[in-house]
């Protein structure tokens, strides 16, 4: 399941991305339009391990 965190400050987003990645999460940064505003977010999820 993918989760989104809406974080305003770029430095705060970078910190959260680093923490999540260091703890084994797959992380991506994105943006979406909300009317005239652009909202930035961090999306993260845990990859499932395969039995290969």
PDB file of N, CA and C in Angstrom:
ATOM      1  N   UNK A   1       0.845  -1.179   0.000  1.00  0.00           N
ATOM      2  CA  UNK A   1       0.000   0.000   0.000  1.00  0.00           C
ATOM      3  C   UNK A   1       0.896   1.250   0.000  1.00  0.00           C
ATOM      4  N   UNK A   2       0.602   2.172  -0.879  1.00  0.00           N
ATOM      5  CA  UNK A   2       1.364   3.413  -0.961  1.00  0.00           C
ATOM      6  C   UNK A   2       0.741   4.464  -0.051  1.00  0.00           C
ATOM      7  N   UNK A   3       1.609   5.211   0.614  1.00  0.00           N
ATOM      8  CA  UNK A   3       1.184   6.269   1.527  1.00  0.00           C
ATOM      9  C   UNK A   3       1.757   7.594   1.049  1.00  0.00           C
ATOM     10  N   UNK A   4       1.034   8.680   1.282  1.00  0.00           N
ATOM     11  CA  UNK A   4       1.505  10.010   0.905  1.00  0.00           C
ATOM     12  C   UNK A   4       1.620  10.890   2.139  1.00  0.00           C
ATOM     13  N   UNK A   5       2.717  11.638   2.179  1.00  0.00           N
ATOM     14  CA  UNK A   5       2.919  12.655   3.198  1.00  0.00           C
ATOM     15  C   UNK A   5       3.017  13.991   2.482  1.00  0.00           C
ATOM     16  N   UNK A   6       2.191  14.939   2.832  1.00  0.00           N
ATOM     17  CA  UNK A   6       2.224  16.264   2.221  1.00  0.00           C
ATOM     18  C   UNK A   6       3.106  17.151   3.086  1.00  0.00           C
ATOM     19  N   UNK A   7       4.246  17.555   2.533  1.00  0.00           N
ATOM     20  CA  UNK A   7       5.235  18.323   3.290  1.00  0.00           C
ATOM     21  C   UNK A   7       5.572  19.579   2.503  1.00  0.00           C
ATOM     22  N   UNK A   8       5.444  20.728   3.138  1.00  0.00           N
ATOM     23  CA  UNK A   8       5.607  22.018   2.468  1.00  0.00           C
ATOM     24  C   UNK A   8       7.061  22.359   2.175  1.00  0.00           C
ATOM     25  N   UNK A   9       7.944  22.260   3.154  1.00  0.00           N
ATOM     26  CA  UNK A   9       9.325  22.706   2.997  1.00  0.00           C
ATOM     27  C   UNK A   9      10.188  21.663   2.285  1.00  0.00           C
ATOM     28  N   UNK A  10      10.939  22.071   1.255  1.00  0.00           N
ATOM     29  CA  UNK A  10      11.810  21.132   0.531  1.00  0.00           C
ATOM     30  C   UNK A  10      12.834  20.448   1.435  1.00  0.00           C
ATOM     31  N   UNK A  11      13.420  21.167   2.380  1.00  0.00           N
ATOM     32  CA  UNK A  11      14.411  20.563   3.270  1.00  0.00           C
ATOM     33  C   UNK A  11      13.770  19.476   4.146  1.00  0.00           C
ATOM     34  N   UNK A  12      12.544  19.706   4.572  1.00  0.00           N
ATOM     35  CA  UNK A  12      11.838  18.709   5.376  1.00  0.00           C
ATOM     36  C   UNK A  12      11.523  17.468   4.544  1.00  0.00           C
ATOM     37  N   UNK A  13      11.132  17.672   3.273  1.00  0.00           N
ATOM     38  CA  UNK A  13      10.881  16.530   2.383  1.00  0.00           C
ATOM     39  C   UNK A  13      12.137  15.693   2.209  1.00  0.00           C
ATOM     40  N   UNK A  14      13.277  16.354   1.997  1.00  0.00           N
ATOM     41  CA  UNK A  14      14.541  15.638   1.814  1.00  0.00           C
ATOM     42  C   UNK A  14      14.901  14.832   3.059  1.00  0.00           C
ATOM     43  N   UNK A  15      14.678  15.391   4.221  1.00  0.00           N
ATOM     44  CA  UNK A  15      14.964  14.688   5.474  1.00  0.00           C
ATOM     45  C   UNK A  15      14.087  13.447   5.610  1.00  0.00           C
ATOM     46  N   UNK A  16      12.799  13.593   5.347  1.00  0.00           N
ATOM     47  CA  UNK A  16      11.867  12.468   5.459  1.00  0.00           C
ATOM     48  C   UNK A  16      12.213  11.392   4.431  1.00  0.00           C
ATOM     49  N   UNK A  17      12.547  11.791   3.206  1.00  0.00           N
ATOM     50  CA  UNK A  17      12.925  10.829   2.163  1.00  0.00           C
ATOM     51  C   UNK A  17      14.146  10.029   2.608  1.00  0.00           C
ATOM     52  N   UNK A  18      15.141  10.695   3.151  1.00  0.00           N
ATOM     53  CA  UNK A  18      16.356  10.028   3.609  1.00  0.00           C
ATOM     54  C   UNK A  18      16.047   9.026   4.716  1.00  0.00           C
ATOM     55  N   UNK A  19      15.259   9.438   5.686  1.00  0.00           N
ATOM     56  CA  UNK A  19      14.913   8.555   6.805  1.00  0.00           C
ATOM     57  C   UNK A  19      14.152   7.328   6.310  1.00  0.00           C
ATOM     58  N   UNK A  20      13.166   7.533   5.448  1.00  0.00           N
ATOM     59  CA  UNK A  20      12.383   6.408   4.937  1.00  0.00           C
ATOM     60  C   UNK A  20      13.252   5.449   4.115  1.00  0.00           C
ATOM     61  N   UNK A  21      14.092   5.983   3.244  1.00  0.00           N
ATOM     62  CA  UNK A  21      14.953   5.145   2.411  1.00  0.00           C
ATOM     63  C   UNK A  21      15.934   4.342   3.254  1.00  0.00           C
ATOM     64  N   UNK A  22      16.484   4.954   4.296  1.00  0.00           N
ATOM     65  CA  UNK A  22      17.429   4.258   5.165  1.00  0.00           C
ATOM     66  C   UNK A  22      16.749   3.146   5.973  1.00  0.00           C
ATOM     67  N   UNK A  23      15.444   3.210   6.079  1.00  0.00           N
ATOM     68  CA  UNK A  23      14.698   2.183   6.804  1.00  0.00           C
ATOM     69  C   UNK A  23      14.005   1.183   5.883  1.00  0.00           C
ATOM     70  N   UNK A  24      14.450   1.127   4.622  1.00  0.00           N
ATOM     71  CA  UNK A  24      14.005   0.082   3.717  1.00  0.00           C
ATOM     72  C   UNK A  24      12.766   0.362   2.896  1.00  0.00           C
ATOM     73  N   UNK A  25      12.293   1.589   2.879  1.00  0.00           N
ATOM     74  CA  UNK A  25      11.114   1.924   2.087  1.00  0.00           C
ATOM     75  C   UNK A  25      11.518   2.390   0.694  1.00  0.00           C
ATOM     76  N   UNK A  26      10.670   2.136  -0.274  1.00  0.00           N
ATOM     77  CA  UNK A  26      10.813   2.727  -1.591  1.00  0.00           C
ATOM     78  C   UNK A  26      10.125   4.075  -1.519  1.00  0.00           C
ATOM     79  N   UNK A  27      10.804   5.118  -2.003  1.00  0.00           N
ATOM     80  CA  UNK A  27      10.318   6.484  -1.818  1.00  0.00           C
ATOM     81  C   UNK A  27      10.338   7.228  -3.143  1.00  0.00           C
ATOM     82  N   UNK A  28       9.331   8.053  -3.354  1.00  0.00           N
ATOM     83  CA  UNK A  28       9.350   8.958  -4.498  1.00  0.00           C
ATOM     84  C   UNK A  28       8.750  10.288  -4.082  1.00  0.00           C
ATOM     85  N   UNK A  29       9.183  11.317  -4.768  1.00  0.00           N
ATOM     86  CA  UNK A  29       8.716  12.667  -4.509  1.00  0.00           C
ATOM     87  C   UNK A  29       7.843  13.088  -5.687  1.00  0.00           C
ATOM     88  N   UNK A  30       6.758  13.780  -5.410  1.00  0.00           N
ATOM     89  CA  UNK A  30       5.879  14.197  -6.486  1.00  0.00           C
ATOM     90  C   UNK A  30       5.166  15.490  -6.168  1.00  0.00           C
ATOM     91  N   UNK A  31       4.344  15.913  -7.123  1.00  0.00           N
ATOM     92  CA  UNK A  31       3.528  17.109  -6.929  1.00  0.00           C
ATOM     93  C   UNK A  31       2.209  16.916  -7.644  1.00  0.00           C
ATOM     94  N   UNK A  32       1.198  17.605  -7.148  1.00  0.00           N
ATOM     95  CA  UNK A  32      -0.127  17.551  -7.770  1.00  0.00           C
ATOM     96  C   UNK A  32      -0.772  18.919  -7.649  1.00  0.00           C
ATOM     97  N   UNK A  33      -1.659  19.213  -8.575  1.00  0.00           N
ATOM     98  CA  UNK A  33      -2.359  20.491  -8.583  1.00  0.00           C
ATOM     99  C   UNK A  33      -3.618  20.386  -7.735  1.00  0.00           C
ATOM    100  N   UNK A  34      -3.848  21.418  -6.956  1.00  0.00           N
ATOM    101  CA  UNK A  34      -5.069  21.543  -6.162  1.00  0.00           C
ATOM    102  C   UNK A  34      -5.618  22.935  -6.459  1.00  0.00           C
ATOM    103  N   UNK A  35      -6.440  23.019  -7.491  1.00  0.00           N
ATOM    104  CA  UNK A  35      -6.903  24.329  -7.940  1.00  0.00           C
ATOM    105  C   UNK A  35      -5.737  25.058  -8.581  1.00  0.00           C
ATOM    106  N   UNK A  36      -5.398  26.230  -8.066  1.00  0.00           N
ATOM    107  CA  UNK A  36      -4.276  27.012  -8.591  1.00  0.00           C
ATOM    108  C   UNK A  36      -2.966  26.680  -7.872  1.00  0.00           C
ATOM    109  N   UNK A  37      -3.049  25.952  -6.767  1.00  0.00           N
ATOM    110  CA  UNK A  37      -1.860  25.650  -5.964  1.00  0.00           C
ATOM    111  C   UNK A  37      -1.225  24.330  -6.390  1.00  0.00           C
ATOM    112  N   UNK A  38       0.081  24.240  -6.253  1.00  0.00           N
ATOM    113  CA  UNK A  38       0.803  22.998  -6.450  1.00  0.00           C
ATOM    114  C   UNK A  38       1.190  22.473  -5.075  1.00  0.00           C
ATOM    115  N   UNK A  39       0.825  21.232  -4.818  1.00  0.00           N
ATOM    116  CA  UNK A  39       1.096  20.605  -3.529  1.00  0.00           C
ATOM    117  C   UNK A  39       2.149  19.517  -3.737  1.00  0.00           C
ATOM    118  N   UNK A  40       3.197  19.556  -2.922  1.00  0.00           N
ATOM    119  CA  UNK A  40       4.274  18.582  -3.016  1.00  0.00           C
ATOM    120  C   UNK A  40       4.073  17.493  -1.971  1.00  0.00           C
ATOM    121  N   UNK A  41       4.486  16.262  -2.328  1.00  0.00           N
ATOM    122  CA  UNK A  41       4.314  15.154  -1.408  1.00  0.00           C
ATOM    123  C   UNK A  41       5.460  14.169  -1.522  1.00  0.00           C
ATOM    124  N   UNK A  42       5.559  13.327  -0.507  1.00  0.00           N
ATOM    125  CA  UNK A  42       6.473  12.200  -0.489  1.00  0.00           C
ATOM    126  C   UNK A  42       5.599  10.959  -0.439  1.00  0.00           C
ATOM    127  N   UNK A  43       5.805  10.055  -1.381  1.00  0.00           N
ATOM    128  CA  UNK A  43       5.059   8.803  -1.407  1.00  0.00           C
ATOM    129  C   UNK A  43       6.018   7.682  -1.054  1.00  0.00           C
ATOM    130  N   UNK A  44       5.592   6.766  -0.205  1.00  0.00           N
ATOM    131  CA  UNK A  44       6.475   5.683   0.205  1.00  0.00           C
ATOM    132  C   UNK A  44       5.694   4.385   0.367  1.00  0.00           C
ATOM    133  N   UNK A  45       6.425   3.263   0.205  1.00  0.00           N
ATOM    134  CA  UNK A  45       5.837   1.943   0.377  1.00  0.00           C
ATOM    135  C   UNK A  45       6.946   0.939   0.632  1.00  0.00           C
ATOM    136  N   UNK A  46       6.580  -0.204   1.156  1.00  0.00           N
ATOM    137  CA  UNK A  46       7.511  -1.283   1.442  1.00  0.00           C
ATOM    138  C   UNK A  46       7.371  -2.309   0.326  1.00  0.00           C
ATOM    139  N   UNK A  47       8.486  -2.651  -0.314  1.00  0.00           N
ATOM    140  CA  UNK A  47       8.467  -3.657  -1.382  1.00  0.00           C
ATOM    141  C   UNK A  47       8.262  -5.043  -0.768  1.00  0.00           C
ATOM    142  N   UNK A  48       7.486  -5.874  -1.447  1.00  0.00           N
ATOM    143  CA  UNK A  48       7.295  -7.249  -0.993  1.00  0.00           C
ATOM    144  C   UNK A  48       8.500  -8.071  -1.437  1.00  0.00           C
ATOM    145  N   UNK A  49       8.974  -8.919  -0.561  1.00  0.00           N
ATOM    146  CA  UNK A  49      10.088  -9.801  -0.897  1.00  0.00           C
ATOM    147  C   UNK A  49       9.561 -11.018  -1.646  1.00  0.00           C
ATOM    148  N   UNK A  50      10.243 -11.378  -2.724  1.00  0.00           N
ATOM    149  CA  UNK A  50       9.817 -12.538  -3.491  1.00  0.00           C
ATOM    150  C   UNK A  50      10.654 -13.750  -3.074  1.00  0.00           C
ATOM    151  N   UNK A  51      10.099 -14.922  -3.226  1.00  0.00           N
ATOM    152  CA  UNK A  51      10.791 -16.167  -2.882  1.00  0.00           C
ATOM    153  C   UNK A  51      11.448 -16.739  -4.133  1.00  0.00           C
ATOM    154  N   UNK A  52      12.424 -16.039  -4.668  1.00  0.00           N
ATOM    155  CA  UNK A  52      13.083 -16.481  -5.909  1.00  0.00           C
ATOM    156  C   UNK A  52      14.294 -17.326  -5.615  1.00  0.00           C
TER     157      UNK A  52
END
